[in-house]
Amino acid sequence: MKNKNFKIASILMIIHGAVLEVVTSIFSLGFGGNDNVFAIDFFKDNIALMIAMGIIFGVVRVIGAIGLLKNRMWGLVLSIINCVVTMCVMLFMIPSGIMDGILACTALILLLTGYYGKKEIK
């Protein structure tokens, strides 16, 4: 891997996809003792679908990170899309949305600075 920012972003996304989504699923099932995992009642009422969606997000995030580690442009694009979507949906999840936001925003900043570097706007 040529760019250190890409490597760090990839590691963050693998941690986010593989670990955080599992933790969120555990909290969602009630093992964490927190009944307020989601801020919207619709999500609380459809917890099984939310868990499935979280797993899908996690798998796609890890796939993008692996593509990025292999210096593939599709990995970069998939990772950026995943970070932006996560930033949009993190607002509806409590408390895991805070960690989603921290990891996704940090990874997005690393991806963009890694790709654009010191290029200036003309």
C-alpha atoms as a PDB file:
ATOM      1  CA  MET A   1       0.000   0.000   0.000  1.00  0.00           C
ATOM      2  CA  LYS A   2       1.434   3.319  -1.074  1.00  0.00           C
ATOM      3  CA  ASN A   3      -0.508   5.689   1.138  1.00  0.00           C
ATOM      4  CA  LYS A   4      -0.396   5.553   4.943  1.00  0.00           C
ATOM      5  CA  ASN A   5      -3.787   7.301   5.185  1.00  0.00           C
ATOM      6  CA  PHE A   6      -5.418   4.530   3.142  1.00  0.00           C
ATOM      7  CA  LYS A   7      -3.916   1.861   5.375  1.00  0.00           C
ATOM      8  CA  ILE A   8      -5.131   3.542   8.570  1.00  0.00           C
ATOM      9  CA  ALA A   9      -8.590   4.118   7.048  1.00  0.00           C
ATOM     10  CA  SER A  10      -8.748   0.466   6.001  1.00  0.00           C
ATOM     11  CA  ILE A  11      -7.906  -0.717   9.493  1.00  0.00           C
ATOM     12  CA  LEU A  12     -10.546   1.599  10.973  1.00  0.00           C
ATOM     13  CA  MET A  13     -13.149   0.304   8.527  1.00  0.00           C
ATOM     14  CA  ILE A  14     -12.302  -3.326   9.237  1.00  0.00           C
ATOM     15  CA  ILE A  15     -12.619  -2.677  12.967  1.00  0.00           C
ATOM     16  CA  HIS A  16     -15.841  -0.780  12.351  1.00  0.00           C
ATOM     17  CA  GLY A  17     -17.327  -3.430  10.081  1.00  0.00           C
ATOM     18  CA  ALA A  18     -16.198  -6.547  11.876  1.00  0.00           C
ATOM     19  CA  VAL A  19     -16.394  -5.470  15.506  1.00  0.00           C
ATOM     20  CA  LEU A  20     -18.776  -2.555  15.908  1.00  0.00           C
ATOM     21  CA  GLU A  21     -21.594  -4.069  13.869  1.00  0.00           C
ATOM     22  CA  VAL A  22     -21.408  -7.213  16.012  1.00  0.00           C
ATOM     23  CA  VAL A  23     -21.489  -5.113  19.200  1.00  0.00           C
ATOM     24  CA  THR A  24     -24.465  -3.152  17.865  1.00  0.00           C
ATOM     25  CA  SER A  25     -26.273  -6.396  17.100  1.00  0.00           C
ATOM     26  CA  ILE A  26     -25.636  -7.635  20.643  1.00  0.00           C
ATOM     27  CA  PHE A  27     -26.987  -4.387  22.091  1.00  0.00           C
ATOM     28  CA  SER A  28     -29.953  -4.627  19.738  1.00  0.00           C
ATOM     29  CA  LEU A  29     -30.786  -8.082  21.046  1.00  0.00           C
ATOM     30  CA  GLY A  30     -30.863  -6.704  24.559  1.00  0.00           C
ATOM     31  CA  PHE A  31     -27.771  -8.428  25.924  1.00  0.00           C
ATOM     32  CA  GLY A  32     -26.215  -5.054  26.658  1.00  0.00           C
ATOM     33  CA  GLY A  33     -29.041  -4.032  28.981  1.00  0.00           C
ATOM     34  CA  ASN A  34     -29.883  -0.985  26.859  1.00  0.00           C
ATOM     35  CA  ASP A  35     -33.451  -0.744  25.572  1.00  0.00           C
ATOM     36  CA  ASN A  36     -32.792   2.520  23.732  1.00  0.00           C
ATOM     37  CA  VAL A  37     -30.523   1.321  20.941  1.00  0.00           C
ATOM     38  CA  PHE A  38     -32.516   3.133  18.249  1.00  0.00           C
ATOM     39  CA  ALA A  39     -33.870   6.665  18.418  1.00  0.00           C
ATOM     40  CA  ILE A  40     -36.902   5.884  16.232  1.00  0.00           C
ATOM     41  CA  ASP A  41     -39.673   3.486  17.269  1.00  0.00           C
ATOM     42  CA  PHE A  42     -39.932   2.039  13.739  1.00  0.00           C
ATOM     43  CA  PHE A  43     -36.383   0.710  14.074  1.00  0.00           C
ATOM     44  CA  LYS A  44     -37.087  -0.679  17.550  1.00  0.00           C
ATOM     45  CA  ASP A  45     -40.161  -2.483  16.199  1.00  0.00           C
ATOM     46  CA  ASN A  46     -38.173  -4.066  13.354  1.00  0.00           C
ATOM     47  CA  ILE A  47     -35.094  -5.103  15.283  1.00  0.00           C
ATOM     48  CA  ALA A  48     -34.439  -8.300  13.280  1.00  0.00           C
ATOM     49  CA  LEU A  49     -34.330  -6.320  10.035  1.00  0.00           C
ATOM     50  CA  MET A  50     -32.058  -3.731  11.630  1.00  0.00           C
ATOM     51  CA  ILE A  51     -29.647  -6.455  12.731  1.00  0.00           C
ATOM     52  CA  ALA A  52     -29.618  -7.893   9.192  1.00  0.00           C
ATOM     53  CA  MET A  53     -28.994  -4.436   7.773  1.00  0.00           C
ATOM     54  CA  GLY A  54     -26.153  -3.864  10.245  1.00  0.00           C
ATOM     55  CA  ILE A  55     -24.525  -7.111   9.190  1.00  0.00           C
ATOM     56  CA  ILE A  56     -24.823  -6.135   5.520  1.00  0.00           C
ATOM     57  CA  PHE A  57     -23.277  -2.714   6.260  1.00  0.00           C
ATOM     58  CA  GLY A  58     -20.447  -4.418   8.148  1.00  0.00           C
ATOM     59  CA  VAL A  59     -19.694  -6.881   5.358  1.00  0.00           C
ATOM     60  CA  VAL A  60     -19.736  -4.167   2.680  1.00  0.00           C
ATOM     61  CA  ARG A  61     -17.489  -1.977   4.829  1.00  0.00           C
ATOM     62  CA  VAL A  62     -14.952  -4.809   5.216  1.00  0.00           C
ATOM     63  CA  ILE A  63     -15.091  -5.584   1.468  1.00  0.00           C
ATOM     64  CA  GLY A  64     -14.362  -1.928   0.666  1.00  0.00           C
ATOM     65  CA  ALA A  65     -11.484  -1.899   3.143  1.00  0.00           C
ATOM     66  CA  ILE A  66      -9.972  -5.032   1.616  1.00  0.00           C
ATOM     67  CA  GLY A  67     -10.257  -3.497  -1.854  1.00  0.00           C
ATOM     68  CA  LEU A  68      -8.529  -0.394  -0.548  1.00  0.00           C
ATOM     69  CA  LEU A  69      -5.733  -2.467   1.008  1.00  0.00           C
ATOM     70  CA  LYS A  70      -5.224  -4.053  -2.423  1.00  0.00           C
ATOM     71  CA  ASN A  71      -4.951  -0.581  -4.015  1.00  0.00           C
ATOM     72  CA  ARG A  72      -8.164  -0.954  -5.999  1.00  0.00           C
ATOM     73  CA  MET A  73     -10.062   2.159  -7.016  1.00  0.00           C
ATOM     74  CA  TRP A  74     -13.389   0.377  -6.447  1.00  0.00           C
ATOM     75  CA  GLY A  75     -12.325  -0.155  -2.830  1.00  0.00           C
ATOM     76  CA  LEU A  76     -11.765   3.580  -2.424  1.00  0.00           C
ATOM     77  CA  VAL A  77     -15.115   4.479  -3.986  1.00  0.00           C
ATOM     78  CA  LEU A  78     -17.025   1.814  -2.052  1.00  0.00           C
ATOM     79  CA  SER A  79     -15.396   2.953   1.183  1.00  0.00           C
ATOM     80  CA  ILE A  80     -16.266   6.605   0.556  1.00  0.00           C
ATOM     81  CA  ILE A  81     -19.886   5.703  -0.258  1.00  0.00           C
ATOM     82  CA  ASN A  82     -20.101   3.582   2.886  1.00  0.00           C
ATOM     83  CA  CYS A  83     -18.710   6.370   5.080  1.00  0.00           C
ATOM     84  CA  VAL A  84     -21.139   8.939   3.657  1.00  0.00           C
ATOM     85  CA  VAL A  85     -24.145   6.643   4.067  1.00  0.00           C
ATOM     86  CA  THR A  86     -23.060   5.851   7.623  1.00  0.00           C
ATOM     87  CA  MET A  87     -22.871   9.573   8.379  1.00  0.00           C
ATOM     88  CA  CYS A  88     -26.484   9.913   7.202  1.00  0.00           C
ATOM     89  CA  VAL A  89     -27.917   6.983   9.193  1.00  0.00           C
ATOM     90  CA  MET A  90     -25.847   7.412  12.372  1.00  0.00           C
ATOM     91  CA  LEU A  91     -28.306  10.056  13.546  1.00  0.00           C
ATOM     92  CA  PHE A  92     -30.996   7.434  14.065  1.00  0.00           C
ATOM     93  CA  MET A  93     -28.967   5.129  16.279  1.00  0.00           C
ATOM     94  CA  ILE A  94     -28.289   5.679  19.951  1.00  0.00           C
ATOM     95  CA  PRO A  95     -25.664   5.096  21.409  1.00  0.00           C
ATOM     96  CA  SER A  96     -23.801   3.162  18.722  1.00  0.00           C
ATOM     97  CA  GLY A  97     -24.368   5.926  16.184  1.00  0.00           C
ATOM     98  CA  ILE A  98     -21.843   8.057  18.034  1.00  0.00           C
ATOM     99  CA  MET A  99     -19.105   5.475  17.535  1.00  0.00           C
ATOM    100  CA  ASP A 100     -20.298   4.884  13.950  1.00  0.00           C
ATOM    101  CA  GLY A 101     -19.889   8.588  13.315  1.00  0.00           C
ATOM    102  CA  ILE A 102     -16.460   8.848  14.899  1.00  0.00           C
ATOM    103  CA  LEU A 103     -15.094   5.897  12.926  1.00  0.00           C
ATOM    104  CA  ALA A 104     -16.820   6.708   9.609  1.00  0.00           C
ATOM    105  CA  CYS A 105     -15.930  10.422   9.700  1.00  0.00           C
ATOM    106  CA  THR A 106     -12.318   9.691  10.629  1.00  0.00           C
ATOM    107  CA  ALA A 107     -12.029   7.106   7.853  1.00  0.00           C
ATOM    108  CA  LEU A 108     -13.620   9.506   5.341  1.00  0.00           C
ATOM    109  CA  ILE A 109     -11.170  12.280   6.226  1.00  0.00           C
ATOM    110  CA  LEU A 110      -8.258   9.852   5.841  1.00  0.00           C
ATOM    111  CA  LEU A 111      -9.601   8.598   2.493  1.00  0.00           C
ATOM    112  CA  LEU A 112     -10.063  12.079   1.080  1.00  0.00           C
ATOM    113  CA  THR A 113      -6.736  13.417   2.316  1.00  0.00           C
ATOM    114  CA  GLY A 114      -5.031  10.258   1.099  1.00  0.00           C
ATOM    115  CA  TYR A 115      -6.524  10.606  -2.372  1.00  0.00           C
ATOM    116  CA  TYR A 116      -6.303  14.361  -2.847  1.00  0.00           C
ATOM    117  CA  GLY A 117      -3.207  15.029  -0.726  1.00  0.00           C
ATOM    118  CA  LYS A 118      -2.033  18.608  -1.165  1.00  0.00           C
ATOM    119  CA  LYS A 119      -3.928  19.298  -4.397  1.00  0.00           C
ATOM    120  CA  GLU A 120      -5.345  22.798  -4.444  1.00  0.00           C
ATOM    121  CA  ILE A 121      -8.634  24.086  -5.791  1.00  0.00           C
ATOM    122  CA  LYS A 122      -8.021  26.050  -8.990  1.00  0.00           C
END
